[in-house]
Amino acid sequence: MTISGTTITDAPINANNSRLLRLIVVGINSFKRDGGAVNNSTAPNHLVFQFQNVPVTHNMNSTATNERGYNKPSEMKTYIMNYFLPGLITATGLTDAMLWAPRREVANGGSGAGVTEYIADALWLPTECEMFGTTALGRGDKEPSTGQARLEYYTNETSNTSRTKYDRNATAVAYWLATAVYSDYSNFCFVGTDGSDTSGAANTANGCSPAFCVR
């Protein structure tokens, strides 16, 4: 797969034959079943795919700010939509007819968030609630569970093992989520190297492990 002119090879990660570009199903009709009024029963049947590991790293923004959140657009969203998505489509043969963009509620910033943004992207970073089933660091009033969907693959509440992802060197790496931290103006949530819910400054080069829906 080629992203922004750089070729990413599907290298093996470990002895279990986990690979750098392997896709996994993390939900089945997730936004049809759990999405409430925003993503309701009129949604098409779909599978939710996500990268099992972390093929690339990228900062959320070049400066440590979460102003207006992921959908500003953040530099990460621009990177995903303008570079990562075209590379994915070319590598997999996916078509516009196959991809479905769920409408999701995402806070438009941290402490300065005033309203919810409604995002409908073909390729996207999951939110804190979608990965963990709860909002601990983000704004629960701006990212309500009724406007998102818990991704079934990550429903084990007693272990974070399923959320741990690796880079090409078989090293566990942190990867970004779309949720801005509610208590400050600089941080976004990310999944830590141990699979835990944590956060850091937006100008940190954490991993990028986006998801998408296929109908």
C-alpha atoms as a PDB file:
ATOM      1  CA  MET A   1       0.000   0.000   0.000  1.00  0.00           C
ATOM      2  CA  THR A   2       1.312   3.458  -0.896  1.00  0.00           C
ATOM      3  CA  ILE A   3       0.468   6.385   1.394  1.00  0.00           C
ATOM      4  CA  SER A   4       1.631   9.900   0.536  1.00  0.00           C
ATOM      5  CA  GLY A   5       4.263   8.502  -1.820  1.00  0.00           C
ATOM      6  CA  THR A   6       5.630   6.009   0.722  1.00  0.00           C
ATOM      7  CA  THR A   7       5.180   2.283   0.080  1.00  0.00           C
ATOM      8  CA  ILE A   8       4.121   0.291   3.151  1.00  0.00           C
ATOM      9  CA  THR A   9       4.811  -3.440   2.894  1.00  0.00           C
ATOM     10  CA  ASP A  10       2.672  -6.099   4.556  1.00  0.00           C
ATOM     11  CA  ALA A  11       5.470  -7.314   6.807  1.00  0.00           C
ATOM     12  CA  PRO A  12       4.933 -10.079   9.402  1.00  0.00           C
ATOM     13  CA  ILE A  13       4.825  -8.687  12.936  1.00  0.00           C
ATOM     14  CA  ASN A  14       5.241 -11.769  15.116  1.00  0.00           C
ATOM     15  CA  ALA A  15       5.253 -15.557  15.236  1.00  0.00           C
ATOM     16  CA  ASN A  16       1.427 -15.604  15.221  1.00  0.00           C
ATOM     17  CA  ASN A  17       1.541 -14.366  11.616  1.00  0.00           C
ATOM     18  CA  SER A  18       0.041 -11.016  12.506  1.00  0.00           C
ATOM     19  CA  ARG A  19       0.926  -8.635   9.685  1.00  0.00           C
ATOM     20  CA  LEU A  20       1.382  -4.893   9.370  1.00  0.00           C
ATOM     21  CA  LEU A  21      -1.441  -4.303   6.866  1.00  0.00           C
ATOM     22  CA  ARG A  22      -3.859  -6.992   8.016  1.00  0.00           C
ATOM     23  CA  LEU A  23      -7.473  -5.852   8.365  1.00  0.00           C
ATOM     24  CA  ILE A  24      -9.749  -7.252  11.069  1.00  0.00           C
ATOM     25  CA  VAL A  25     -13.522  -7.122  11.479  1.00  0.00           C
ATOM     26  CA  VAL A  26     -14.233  -5.117  14.627  1.00  0.00           C
ATOM     27  CA  GLY A  27     -18.009  -4.827  14.239  1.00  0.00           C
ATOM     28  CA  ILE A  28     -21.036  -6.204  12.390  1.00  0.00           C
ATOM     29  CA  ASN A  29     -23.885  -3.758  11.744  1.00  0.00           C
ATOM     30  CA  SER A  30     -22.452  -1.735  14.625  1.00  0.00           C
ATOM     31  CA  PHE A  31     -23.879   1.619  13.566  1.00  0.00           C
ATOM     32  CA  LYS A  32     -27.185   0.070  12.582  1.00  0.00           C
ATOM     33  CA  ARG A  33     -27.666  -1.578  15.964  1.00  0.00           C
ATOM     34  CA  ASP A  34     -26.098   0.776  18.509  1.00  0.00           C
ATOM     35  CA  GLY A  35     -26.205   4.177  16.865  1.00  0.00           C
ATOM     36  CA  GLY A  36     -29.484   5.480  18.253  1.00  0.00           C
ATOM     37  CA  ALA A  37     -31.124   8.413  16.509  1.00  0.00           C
ATOM     38  CA  VAL A  38     -27.995   9.422  14.624  1.00  0.00           C
ATOM     39  CA  ASN A  39     -27.194   6.036  13.073  1.00  0.00           C
ATOM     40  CA  ASN A  40     -30.477   4.156  13.039  1.00  0.00           C
ATOM     41  CA  SER A  41     -32.152   1.109  11.511  1.00  0.00           C
ATOM     42  CA  THR A  42     -32.192   2.717   8.062  1.00  0.00           C
ATOM     43  CA  ALA A  43     -28.424   2.175   7.832  1.00  0.00           C
ATOM     44  CA  PRO A  44     -27.329  -0.528   5.383  1.00  0.00           C
ATOM     45  CA  ASN A  45     -25.977  -3.835   6.602  1.00  0.00           C
ATOM     46  CA  HIS A  46     -22.231  -3.434   7.024  1.00  0.00           C
ATOM     47  CA  LEU A  47     -18.967  -4.788   8.386  1.00  0.00           C
ATOM     48  CA  VAL A  48     -16.605  -2.493  10.280  1.00  0.00           C
ATOM     49  CA  PHE A  49     -12.948  -3.078   9.426  1.00  0.00           C
ATOM     50  CA  GLN A  50      -9.903  -1.668  11.186  1.00  0.00           C
ATOM     51  CA  PHE A  51      -6.176  -2.182  10.794  1.00  0.00           C
ATOM     52  CA  GLN A  52      -5.010  -4.859  13.214  1.00  0.00           C
ATOM     53  CA  ASN A  53      -1.726  -3.009  13.665  1.00  0.00           C
ATOM     54  CA  VAL A  54      -0.254   0.436  13.010  1.00  0.00           C
ATOM     55  CA  PRO A  55       1.138   0.861   9.486  1.00  0.00           C
ATOM     56  CA  VAL A  56       2.032   4.564   9.901  1.00  0.00           C
ATOM     57  CA  THR A  57       2.502   7.261  12.526  1.00  0.00           C
ATOM     58  CA  HIS A  58       1.331  10.852  12.239  1.00  0.00           C
ATOM     59  CA  ASN A  59       0.671  13.814  14.523  1.00  0.00           C
ATOM     60  CA  MET A  60      -2.895  14.915  15.137  1.00  0.00           C
ATOM     61  CA  ASN A  61      -1.808  18.522  14.576  1.00  0.00           C
ATOM     62  CA  SER A  62       1.563  20.186  14.066  1.00  0.00           C
ATOM     63  CA  THR A  63       0.980  22.192  17.255  1.00  0.00           C
ATOM     64  CA  ALA A  64      -0.280  21.022  20.642  1.00  0.00           C
ATOM     65  CA  THR A  65      -3.919  22.036  20.180  1.00  0.00           C
ATOM     66  CA  ASN A  66      -7.261  20.246  20.124  1.00  0.00           C
ATOM     67  CA  GLU A  67      -9.196  23.373  19.174  1.00  0.00           C
ATOM     68  CA  ARG A  68     -12.281  22.375  17.161  1.00  0.00           C
ATOM     69  CA  GLY A  69     -11.292  18.740  17.577  1.00  0.00           C
ATOM     70  CA  TYR A  70     -10.686  16.069  14.958  1.00  0.00           C
ATOM     71  CA  ASN A  71     -13.120  17.540  12.436  1.00  0.00           C
ATOM     72  CA  LYS A  72     -11.465  20.994  12.253  1.00  0.00           C
ATOM     73  CA  PRO A  73     -10.199  19.388  10.030  1.00  0.00           C
ATOM     74  CA  SER A  74      -7.231  18.324  12.092  1.00  0.00           C
ATOM     75  CA  GLU A  75      -4.055  17.572  10.201  1.00  0.00           C
ATOM     76  CA  MET A  76      -4.678  13.906  10.975  1.00  0.00           C
ATOM     77  CA  LYS A  77      -8.097  13.965   9.301  1.00  0.00           C
ATOM     78  CA  THR A  78      -6.617  15.661   6.232  1.00  0.00           C
ATOM     79  CA  TYR A  79      -3.891  13.012   6.103  1.00  0.00           C
ATOM     80  CA  ILE A  80      -6.392  10.160   6.417  1.00  0.00           C
ATOM     81  CA  MET A  81      -8.842  11.472   3.828  1.00  0.00           C
ATOM     82  CA  ASN A  82      -6.365  12.860   1.268  1.00  0.00           C
ATOM     83  CA  TYR A  83      -3.568  10.296   1.476  1.00  0.00           C
ATOM     84  CA  PHE A  84      -4.440   7.195   3.503  1.00  0.00           C
ATOM     85  CA  LEU A  85      -7.871   6.603   1.946  1.00  0.00           C
ATOM     86  CA  PRO A  86      -6.684   6.794  -1.693  1.00  0.00           C
ATOM     87  CA  GLY A  87      -3.859   4.391  -0.840  1.00  0.00           C
ATOM     88  CA  LEU A  88      -6.295   1.979   0.804  1.00  0.00           C
ATOM     89  CA  ILE A  89      -8.696   2.089  -2.148  1.00  0.00           C
ATOM     90  CA  THR A  90      -5.897   1.438  -4.641  1.00  0.00           C
ATOM     91  CA  ALA A  91      -4.465  -1.443  -2.597  1.00  0.00           C
ATOM     92  CA  THR A  92      -7.782  -3.192  -1.870  1.00  0.00           C
ATOM     93  CA  GLY A  93      -9.935  -2.416  -4.897  1.00  0.00           C
ATOM     94  CA  LEU A  94     -12.690  -0.956  -2.729  1.00  0.00           C
ATOM     95  CA  THR A  95     -15.197   1.222  -4.576  1.00  0.00           C
ATOM     96  CA  ASP A  96     -17.433   4.100  -3.507  1.00  0.00           C
ATOM     97  CA  ALA A  97     -20.410   1.742  -3.802  1.00  0.00           C
ATOM     98  CA  MET A  98     -18.816  -0.641  -1.293  1.00  0.00           C
ATOM     99  CA  LEU A  99     -17.777   1.958   1.278  1.00  0.00           C
ATOM    100  CA  TRP A 100     -20.386   3.386   3.653  1.00  0.00           C
ATOM    101  CA  ALA A 101     -19.707   6.425   5.833  1.00  0.00           C
ATOM    102  CA  PRO A 102     -21.572   6.209   9.176  1.00  0.00           C
ATOM    103  CA  ARG A 103     -22.769   9.472  10.694  1.00  0.00           C
ATOM    104  CA  ARG A 104     -21.076   9.778  14.089  1.00  0.00           C
ATOM    105  CA  GLU A 105     -21.084  12.327  16.925  1.00  0.00           C
ATOM    106  CA  VAL A 106     -17.658  13.684  17.833  1.00  0.00           C
ATOM    107  CA  ALA A 107     -16.855  16.619  20.140  1.00  0.00           C
ATOM    108  CA  ASN A 108     -15.470  19.668  18.356  1.00  0.00           C
ATOM    109  CA  GLY A 109     -12.715  20.264  20.904  1.00  0.00           C
ATOM    110  CA  GLY A 110     -11.613  19.887  24.505  1.00  0.00           C
ATOM    111  CA  SER A 111     -12.369  22.549  27.097  1.00  0.00           C
ATOM    112  CA  GLY A 112     -13.571  24.854  24.339  1.00  0.00           C
ATOM    113  CA  ALA A 113     -16.031  22.399  22.803  1.00  0.00           C
ATOM    114  CA  GLY A 114     -19.383  24.064  22.397  1.00  0.00           C
ATOM    115  CA  VAL A 115     -21.295  21.709  20.150  1.00  0.00           C
ATOM    116  CA  THR A 116     -21.153  18.239  18.665  1.00  0.00           C
ATOM    117  CA  GLU A 117     -19.771  17.699  15.193  1.00  0.00           C
ATOM    118  CA  TYR A 118     -21.550  15.177  12.989  1.00  0.00           C
ATOM    119  CA  ILE A 119     -18.903  13.359  10.985  1.00  0.00           C
ATOM    120  CA  ALA A 120     -19.583  11.045   8.047  1.00  0.00           C
ATOM    121  CA  ASP A 121     -16.245   9.917   6.615  1.00  0.00           C
ATOM    122  CA  ALA A 122     -15.442   6.810   4.592  1.00  0.00           C
ATOM    123  CA  LEU A 123     -12.240   6.313   6.636  1.00  0.00           C
ATOM    124  CA  TRP A 124     -12.053   7.497  10.229  1.00  0.00           C
ATOM    125  CA  LEU A 125     -10.391   7.230  13.610  1.00  0.00           C
ATOM    126  CA  PRO A 126     -12.607   5.571  16.237  1.00  0.00           C
ATOM    127  CA  THR A 127     -13.643   7.588  19.268  1.00  0.00           C
ATOM    128  CA  GLU A 128     -12.908   6.799  22.905  1.00  0.00           C
ATOM    129  CA  CYS A 129     -16.429   5.446  23.387  1.00  0.00           C
ATOM    130  CA  GLU A 130     -16.240   3.226  20.305  1.00  0.00           C
ATOM    131  CA  MET A 131     -13.019   1.638  21.560  1.00  0.00           C
ATOM    132  CA  PHE A 132     -13.693   1.485  25.303  1.00  0.00           C
ATOM    133  CA  GLY A 133     -17.472   1.622  25.643  1.00  0.00           C
ATOM    134  CA  THR A 134     -17.309   4.706  27.854  1.00  0.00           C
ATOM    135  CA  THR A 135     -16.093   8.298  27.841  1.00  0.00           C
ATOM    136  CA  ALA A 136     -13.511   8.935  30.556  1.00  0.00           C
ATOM    137  CA  LEU A 137     -11.199  11.580  29.115  1.00  0.00           C
ATOM    138  CA  GLY A 138     -13.406  13.122  26.434  1.00  0.00           C
ATOM    139  CA  ARG A 139     -16.693  15.011  26.763  1.00  0.00           C
ATOM    140  CA  GLY A 140     -19.504  12.555  27.308  1.00  0.00           C
ATOM    141  CA  ASP A 141     -22.081  15.286  26.781  1.00  0.00           C
ATOM    142  CA  LYS A 142     -20.626  15.975  23.321  1.00  0.00           C
ATOM    143  CA  GLU A 143     -19.857  12.364  22.376  1.00  0.00           C
ATOM    144  CA  PRO A 144     -22.912  10.484  23.682  1.00  0.00           C
ATOM    145  CA  SER A 145     -23.037   6.722  23.224  1.00  0.00           C
ATOM    146  CA  THR A 146     -26.331   7.131  21.346  1.00  0.00           C
ATOM    147  CA  GLY A 147     -24.429   8.850  18.538  1.00  0.00           C
ATOM    148  CA  GLN A 148     -21.667   6.319  18.184  1.00  0.00           C
ATOM    149  CA  ALA A 149     -21.290   2.545  18.355  1.00  0.00           C
ATOM    150  CA  ARG A 150     -19.286   0.229  20.595  1.00  0.00           C
ATOM    151  CA  LEU A 151     -17.008  -1.838  18.368  1.00  0.00           C
ATOM    152  CA  GLU A 152     -17.669  -5.427  19.378  1.00  0.00           C
ATOM    153  CA  TYR A 153     -14.104  -6.652  18.918  1.00  0.00           C
ATOM    154  CA  TYR A 154     -13.040  -4.499  21.884  1.00  0.00           C
ATOM    155  CA  THR A 155     -15.739  -5.465  24.387  1.00  0.00           C
ATOM    156  CA  ASN A 156     -13.501  -7.323  26.871  1.00  0.00           C
ATOM    157  CA  GLU A 157     -13.610  -4.993  29.870  1.00  0.00           C
ATOM    158  CA  THR A 158     -11.150  -7.024  31.980  1.00  0.00           C
ATOM    159  CA  SER A 159      -8.230  -6.961  29.544  1.00  0.00           C
ATOM    160  CA  ASN A 160      -6.775  -4.426  27.135  1.00  0.00           C
ATOM    161  CA  THR A 161      -4.919  -7.063  25.108  1.00  0.00           C
ATOM    162  CA  SER A 162      -7.271  -6.826  22.128  1.00  0.00           C
ATOM    163  CA  ARG A 163      -6.556  -3.085  21.817  1.00  0.00           C
ATOM    164  CA  THR A 164      -2.752  -3.367  21.746  1.00  0.00           C
ATOM    165  CA  LYS A 165      -1.313  -2.780  18.267  1.00  0.00           C
ATOM    166  CA  TYR A 166       2.204  -3.033  16.847  1.00  0.00           C
ATOM    167  CA  ASP A 167       4.425  -1.304  14.303  1.00  0.00           C
ATOM    168  CA  ARG A 168       6.675  -2.842  11.628  1.00  0.00           C
ATOM    169  CA  ASN A 169       9.323  -3.584  14.277  1.00  0.00           C
ATOM    170  CA  ALA A 170       6.870  -5.671  16.330  1.00  0.00           C
ATOM    171  CA  THR A 171       6.920  -2.965  19.001  1.00  0.00           C
ATOM    172  CA  ALA A 172       3.679  -2.032  20.752  1.00  0.00           C
ATOM    173  CA  VAL A 173       2.810   1.566  19.891  1.00  0.00           C
ATOM    174  CA  ALA A 174       0.222   4.127  20.975  1.00  0.00           C
ATOM    175  CA  TYR A 175      -2.358   5.132  18.369  1.00  0.00           C
ATOM    176  CA  TRP A 176      -4.667   8.129  18.130  1.00  0.00           C
ATOM    177  CA  LEU A 177      -8.430   8.301  18.680  1.00  0.00           C
ATOM    178  CA  ALA A 178     -10.726  11.043  17.365  1.00  0.00           C
ATOM    179  CA  THR A 179     -11.704  12.201  20.874  1.00  0.00           C
ATOM    180  CA  ALA A 180     -10.358  15.515  22.183  1.00  0.00           C
ATOM    181  CA  VAL A 181      -9.581  15.536  25.920  1.00  0.00           C
ATOM    182  CA  TYR A 182     -12.230  17.638  27.682  1.00  0.00           C
ATOM    183  CA  SER A 183     -10.020  19.104  30.436  1.00  0.00           C
ATOM    184  CA  ASP A 184      -7.498  20.993  28.303  1.00  0.00           C
ATOM    185  CA  TYR A 185      -6.874  22.615  24.936  1.00  0.00           C
ATOM    186  CA  SER A 186      -3.914  20.535  23.743  1.00  0.00           C
ATOM    187  CA  ASN A 187      -4.565  16.789  24.089  1.00  0.00           C
ATOM    188  CA  PHE A 188      -6.371  14.025  22.216  1.00  0.00           C
ATOM    189  CA  CYS A 189      -7.117  10.539  23.475  1.00  0.00           C
ATOM    190  CA  PHE A 190      -5.077   7.610  22.303  1.00  0.00           C
ATOM    191  CA  VAL A 191      -4.781   3.903  23.055  1.00  0.00           C
ATOM    192  CA  GLY A 192      -1.571   3.284  24.985  1.00  0.00           C
ATOM    193  CA  THR A 193       1.028   0.624  24.320  1.00  0.00           C
ATOM    194  CA  ASP A 194      -0.707  -1.579  26.902  1.00  0.00           C
ATOM    195  CA  GLY A 195      -4.137  -1.019  25.326  1.00  0.00           C
ATOM    196  CA  SER A 196      -5.266   1.475  27.977  1.00  0.00           C
ATOM    197  CA  ASP A 197      -7.224   4.715  27.573  1.00  0.00           C
ATOM    198  CA  THR A 198      -4.823   7.646  27.815  1.00  0.00           C
ATOM    199  CA  SER A 199      -4.001  10.985  26.164  1.00  0.00           C
ATOM    200  CA  GLY A 200      -1.233  13.223  24.898  1.00  0.00           C
ATOM    201  CA  ALA A 201      -0.394  16.450  23.104  1.00  0.00           C
ATOM    202  CA  ALA A 202      -1.734  16.729  19.559  1.00  0.00           C
ATOM    203  CA  ASN A 203       1.716  17.324  18.056  1.00  0.00           C
ATOM    204  CA  THR A 204       2.963  13.868  19.136  1.00  0.00           C
ATOM    205  CA  ALA A 205       3.602  11.382  16.312  1.00  0.00           C
ATOM    206  CA  ASN A 206       1.443   8.497  17.505  1.00  0.00           C
ATOM    207  CA  GLY A 207       0.159   5.632  15.398  1.00  0.00           C
ATOM    208  CA  CYS A 208      -2.694   5.791  12.922  1.00  0.00           C
ATOM    209  CA  SER A 209      -5.064   2.784  12.804  1.00  0.00           C
ATOM    210  CA  PRO A 210      -8.229   3.932  11.020  1.00  0.00           C
ATOM    211  CA  ALA A 211     -11.501   2.078  10.470  1.00  0.00           C
ATOM    212  CA  PHE A 212     -14.057   1.910   7.675  1.00  0.00           C
ATOM    213  CA  CYS A 213     -17.430   0.302   6.873  1.00  0.00           C
ATOM    214  CA  VAL A 214     -18.115  -1.967   3.928  1.00  0.00           C
ATOM    215  CA  ARG A 215     -21.728  -2.602   2.953  1.00  0.00           C
END
